[in-house]
Amino acid sequence: MPAIALPSTTGGEVRLDELPGRTVLFCYPRTGRPDQELPPGWNAIPGARGCTPETCGFRDRHEHFTDLGARVLALSTQDTHYQREMAERLELPFEVLSDADLRLVRALRVPTFEVDGMTLIKRLTLIVSDGEIEHVFYPVFPPDTHAGEVLDWLRR
């Protein structure tokens, strides 16, 4: 992992290259807010829908990840202020990281797409062990059952 510090919803910064042990980093395009419309054409973009159900899947299975010794982190290109509202509303037990400046996205050449003037990450999950990428889940479908898929892989 590159030596890039990313802002977190907990107020600090996280360097993925410095985290000991195993980290599950699930990357998603964007979460919506109940009081805002979706970007134009959102429903027609393959893989765009499902960010909130995917996030809730990792939330609901969080204890299983910790039992396996894995930390869970989420990543999107939305800014931390926007992410913090979502993390509080969904009562997430893990940090959400922001790559609004696209530094990590560019360094890892993560697949992205453009919509409504935003650069968004295509849904994928990285398993990072002691700063090294161990496994990549891509593409991710369906998003609502992906946390279970990652747990199955970790158990193997």
Foldseek 3Di string as FASTA:
>chain_A
DDQDWWAKLVGGTDGLLQDAFKEKEKEAFDDDDPVDDDFPPQVVDPQNPDPVLLQLLCQVCVVLCVVLVYAYEYEKQDDSVRVNVVCVVSVGPHIYTHPVVCPVCVVVVADWDDTPRGTIGRTKMFIAHNNRTDDIDPPDPPSNCVVVVVSVVSVD
